[in-house]
């Protein structure tokens, strides 16, 4: 379990590469990065085919260019986002400001949740368009199936990233609720430690045993010799 504010270790410590690489969040983000590369690179390289009847290349998914454009766009943005969040995950333990950590975790949570949904849309769109593709001559079927499959894998990986980000966000909220305490009231903040001195003040005033009005002794009688 990660410790510290919003799932990051205490600020000021040295960056531990081994521990960073072994984190489930880092591994899942790396897989999401790979899946994104496969999707947009495959569509870009093999997703458009040329036919004898058409002068321009068309998308292999039922000649629906919007489907290919959508897959490329989602894949490229996911690739860039993974790179950005890789850097933020590595730099976050060095951030001492809890608000900045909160912004990073909140951004990760929002983006991962959104991309989980967009990958789901991408999978449904590409799978449906591939099922509608009648003439598959000249189409790289393996490439189309790979794009559909890795779009599905991306749903699972980004859903996992959403869970990890939500857990880090919850840890930060719980940490602040446990550590925060209302300040003590000012009244009676420092109660008197010692009781008042007895017979002190005007009520307990006592006359000094040596009074200036003390009677004078009798006449002096010299000793007899």
Protein backbone atom coordinates (compact mmCIF):
# COMPACT_ATOMS: atom_id res chain seq x y z
CA UNK A 1 0.00 0.00 0.00
CA UNK A 2 1.39 3.38 -0.95
CA UNK A 3 1.89 5.84 1.87
CA UNK A 4 1.92 9.58 2.16
CA UNK A 5 -0.39 12.30 0.89
CA UNK A 6 -2.40 11.11 -2.14
CA UNK A 7 -0.53 7.86 -2.48
CA UNK A 8 2.97 9.32 -2.83
CA UNK A 9 5.83 8.89 -0.41
CA UNK A 10 6.99 11.71 1.79
CA UNK A 11 8.58 14.59 -0.08
CA UNK A 12 12.33 15.00 -0.07
CA UNK A 13 13.29 11.36 -0.45
CA UNK A 14 15.50 10.01 -3.21
CA UNK A 15 13.84 8.63 -6.32
CA UNK A 16 13.73 4.84 -6.17
CA UNK A 17 13.67 3.57 -9.76
CA UNK A 18 13.25 -0.09 -8.82
CA UNK A 19 10.29 0.61 -6.57
CA UNK A 20 8.76 2.91 -9.19
CA UNK A 21 9.01 0.31 -11.94
CA UNK A 22 7.53 -2.40 -9.73
CA UNK A 23 4.43 -0.41 -8.83
CA UNK A 24 1.20 -1.85 -10.31
CA UNK A 25 0.22 1.59 -11.54
CA UNK A 26 3.48 1.96 -13.46
CA UNK A 27 3.16 -1.49 -15.02
CA UNK A 28 -0.45 -0.87 -16.05
CA UNK A 29 0.41 2.52 -17.51
CA UNK A 30 3.23 0.96 -19.52
CA UNK A 31 0.83 -1.64 -20.91
CA UNK A 32 -1.64 1.11 -21.81
CA UNK A 33 1.18 2.91 -23.59
CA UNK A 34 2.01 -0.23 -25.60
CA UNK A 35 -1.63 -0.86 -26.47
CA UNK A 36 -2.03 2.70 -27.74
CA UNK A 37 1.02 2.33 -29.96
CA UNK A 38 -0.33 -0.90 -31.46
CA UNK A 39 -3.71 0.65 -32.22
CA UNK A 40 -2.69 3.90 -33.89
CA UNK A 41 0.44 2.48 -35.55
CA UNK A 42 -1.45 -0.45 -37.06
CA UNK A 43 -4.23 1.75 -38.38
CA UNK A 44 -1.75 4.25 -39.78
CA UNK A 45 0.43 1.60 -41.41
CA UNK A 46 -2.11 -0.98 -42.59
CA UNK A 47 -5.52 0.49 -41.94
CA UNK A 48 -5.98 2.13 -45.35
CA UNK A 49 -6.25 0.12 -48.54
CA UNK A 50 -6.21 1.08 -52.20
CA UNK A 51 -8.75 -0.39 -54.58
CA UNK A 52 -8.72 -0.39 -58.36
CA UNK A 53 -12.02 1.47 -58.51
CA UNK A 54 -11.10 4.19 -56.08
CA UNK A 55 -8.29 6.69 -56.46
CA UNK A 56 -7.92 7.39 -52.75
CA UNK A 57 -7.22 4.90 -50.01
CA UNK A 58 -10.12 3.94 -47.77
CA UNK A 59 -10.33 2.61 -44.25
CA UNK A 60 -10.24 -1.16 -43.91
CA UNK A 61 -13.13 -1.00 -41.43
CA UNK A 62 -16.02 -1.01 -43.89
CA UNK A 63 -14.41 1.91 -45.73
CA UNK A 64 -15.45 4.13 -42.84
CA UNK A 65 -12.71 6.72 -42.61
CA UNK A 66 -14.23 8.15 -39.44
CA UNK A 67 -13.63 4.86 -37.66
CA UNK A 68 -9.95 4.87 -38.56
CA UNK A 69 -9.56 8.53 -37.67
CA UNK A 70 -11.21 7.96 -34.32
CA UNK A 71 -8.92 5.04 -33.49
CA UNK A 72 -5.80 6.97 -34.46
CA UNK A 73 -6.84 10.03 -32.46
CA UNK A 74 -7.65 8.08 -29.31
CA UNK A 75 -4.45 6.06 -29.60
CA UNK A 76 -2.18 9.07 -30.14
CA UNK A 77 -3.69 11.03 -27.25
CA UNK A 78 -3.45 7.99 -24.98
CA UNK A 79 0.20 7.57 -25.97
CA UNK A 80 0.99 11.21 -25.11
CA UNK A 81 -1.00 11.08 -21.86
CA UNK A 82 0.89 8.00 -20.70
CA UNK A 83 4.19 9.79 -21.25
CA UNK A 84 3.00 12.83 -19.30
CA UNK A 85 1.66 10.82 -16.38
CA UNK A 86 4.83 8.71 -16.33
CA UNK A 87 6.78 11.90 -15.65
CA UNK A 88 4.26 13.14 -13.08
CA UNK A 89 4.28 9.82 -11.22
CA UNK A 90 8.06 9.94 -11.00
CA UNK A 91 8.13 13.60 -9.93
CA UNK A 92 5.20 13.52 -7.49
CA UNK A 93 7.17 12.24 -4.44
CA UNK A 94 9.35 15.36 -4.72
CA UNK A 95 6.32 17.67 -4.43
CA UNK A 96 5.77 18.86 -0.88
CA UNK A 97 2.60 20.84 -1.60
CA UNK A 98 -0.41 18.61 -0.94
CA UNK A 99 -2.64 20.73 -3.20
CA UNK A 100 -0.37 20.16 -6.19
CA UNK A 101 -0.42 16.43 -5.51
CA UNK A 102 -4.20 16.57 -5.34
CA UNK A 103 -4.38 18.30 -8.74
CA UNK A 104 -2.17 15.61 -10.30
CA UNK A 105 -4.17 12.73 -8.85
CA UNK A 106 -7.48 14.37 -9.74
CA UNK A 107 -6.30 14.93 -13.32
CA UNK A 108 -5.16 11.33 -13.57
CA UNK A 109 -8.51 10.13 -12.23
CA UNK A 110 -10.54 12.26 -14.63
CA UNK A 111 -8.44 11.45 -17.70
CA UNK A 112 -8.26 7.72 -16.98
CA UNK A 113 -12.01 7.53 -16.45
CA UNK A 114 -12.69 9.44 -19.66
CA UNK A 115 -10.31 7.30 -21.70
CA UNK A 116 -11.82 4.11 -20.34
CA UNK A 117 -15.12 5.21 -21.82
CA UNK A 118 -13.56 6.42 -25.10
CA UNK A 119 -11.70 3.13 -25.56
CA UNK A 120 -14.99 1.31 -25.01
CA UNK A 121 -16.57 3.42 -27.75
CA UNK A 122 -13.56 2.75 -29.98
CA UNK A 123 -13.82 -1.00 -29.46
CA UNK A 124 -17.54 -1.06 -30.18
CA UNK A 125 -17.16 1.13 -33.27
CA UNK A 126 -14.28 -0.81 -34.81
CA UNK A 127 -15.74 -4.21 -33.98
CA UNK A 128 -19.09 -3.23 -35.51
CA UNK A 129 -17.53 -1.76 -38.65
CA UNK A 130 -15.33 -4.81 -39.09
CA UNK A 131 -18.36 -7.07 -38.83
CA UNK A 132 -20.06 -5.01 -41.54
CA UNK A 133 -17.06 -5.20 -43.85
CA UNK A 134 -18.23 -7.45 -46.70
CA UNK A 135 -15.43 -7.27 -49.24
CA UNK A 136 -12.24 -8.09 -47.33
CA UNK A 137 -10.07 -8.66 -50.36
CA UNK A 138 -6.81 -6.83 -50.02
CA UNK A 139 -7.52 -6.15 -46.34
CA UNK A 140 -5.04 -7.24 -43.70
CA UNK A 141 -7.44 -9.19 -41.54
CA UNK A 142 -4.81 -9.84 -38.87
CA UNK A 143 -4.15 -6.12 -38.54
CA UNK A 144 -7.85 -5.29 -38.22
CA UNK A 145 -8.35 -8.00 -35.59
CA UNK A 146 -5.30 -6.79 -33.69
CA UNK A 147 -6.67 -3.25 -33.59
CA UNK A 148 -10.01 -4.49 -32.24
CA UNK A 149 -8.33 -6.76 -29.69
CA UNK A 150 -5.95 -4.12 -28.34
CA UNK A 151 -8.79 -1.63 -28.17
CA UNK A 152 -10.50 -4.08 -25.85
CA UNK A 153 -7.31 -4.56 -23.82
CA UNK A 154 -7.07 -0.79 -23.47
CA UNK A 155 -10.48 -0.71 -21.79
CA UNK A 156 -9.21 -3.02 -19.04
CA UNK A 157 -5.89 -1.21 -18.62
CA UNK A 158 -7.39 2.26 -18.40
CA UNK A 159 -10.11 1.03 -16.05
CA UNK A 160 -7.32 -0.26 -13.81
CA UNK A 161 -5.59 3.13 -13.98
CA UNK A 162 -8.87 4.74 -12.96
CA UNK A 163 -9.05 2.45 -9.94
CA UNK A 164 -5.45 3.19 -8.93
CA UNK A 165 -6.03 6.94 -9.26
CA UNK A 166 -9.23 6.74 -7.21
CA UNK A 167 -7.43 4.79 -4.50
CA UNK A 168 -4.67 7.39 -4.32
CA UNK A 169 -7.27 10.16 -4.15
CA UNK A 170 -9.11 8.38 -1.33
CA UNK A 171 -5.87 7.90 0.60
CA UNK A 172 -5.16 11.62 0.42
CA UNK A 173 -8.63 12.54 1.69
CA UNK A 174 -8.44 10.00 4.54
CA UNK A 175 -4.97 11.19 5.53
CA UNK A 176 -6.11 14.79 5.91
CA UNK A 177 -9.23 13.80 7.85
CA UNK A 178 -7.15 11.79 10.32
CA UNK A 179 -4.35 14.31 10.78
CA UNK A 180 -6.44 17.48 11.03
CA UNK A 181 -7.53 18.59 14.50
CA UNK A 182 -9.50 21.69 15.49
CA UNK A 183 -7.42 24.15 17.49
CA UNK A 184 -8.06 24.25 21.22
CA UNK A 185 -10.22 27.15 22.43
CA UNK A 186 -8.37 30.12 23.86
CA UNK A 187 -10.42 30.21 27.06
CA UNK A 188 -8.73 28.30 29.85
CA UNK A 189 -6.04 27.17 27.47
CA UNK A 190 -3.50 27.45 30.27
CA UNK A 191 -5.18 26.69 33.62
CA UNK A 192 -3.42 27.94 36.74
CA UNK A 193 -0.88 25.45 37.96
CA UNK A 194 -0.39 26.75 41.48
CA UNK A 195 -3.17 27.82 43.90
CA UNK A 196 -3.09 31.40 45.10
CA UNK A 197 -0.86 32.08 48.07
CA UNK A 198 -2.89 31.88 51.30
CA UNK A 199 -3.77 35.15 52.97
CA UNK A 200 -2.46 37.04 49.95
CA UNK A 201 -3.92 40.26 48.70
CA UNK A 202 -5.99 42.79 50.55
CA UNK A 203 -8.28 40.22 52.21
CA UNK A 204 -5.46 38.17 53.73
CA UNK A 205 -3.22 41.06 54.68
CA UNK A 206 -1.45 40.66 58.06
CA UNK A 207 0.32 43.35 60.01
CA UNK A 208 4.05 43.04 60.23
CA UNK A 209 5.28 41.75 63.60
CA UNK A 210 7.57 44.77 63.81
CA UNK A 211 5.25 47.73 63.99
CA UNK A 212 6.38 51.29 64.03
CA UNK A 213 3.93 51.94 66.89
CA UNK A 214 5.63 49.47 69.22
CA UNK A 215 5.78 50.83 72.79
CA UNK A 216 9.11 52.18 74.07
CA UNK A 217 10.81 50.23 76.89
CA UNK A 218 11.13 51.70 80.38
CA UNK A 219 13.84 54.10 81.53
CA UNK A 220 17.36 52.86 81.36
CA UNK A 221 18.72 51.63 84.67
CA UNK A 222 22.46 51.47 84.79
CA UNK A 223 23.87 48.37 86.45
CA UNK A 224 25.11 48.65 90.03
CA UNK A 225 28.78 48.10 90.67
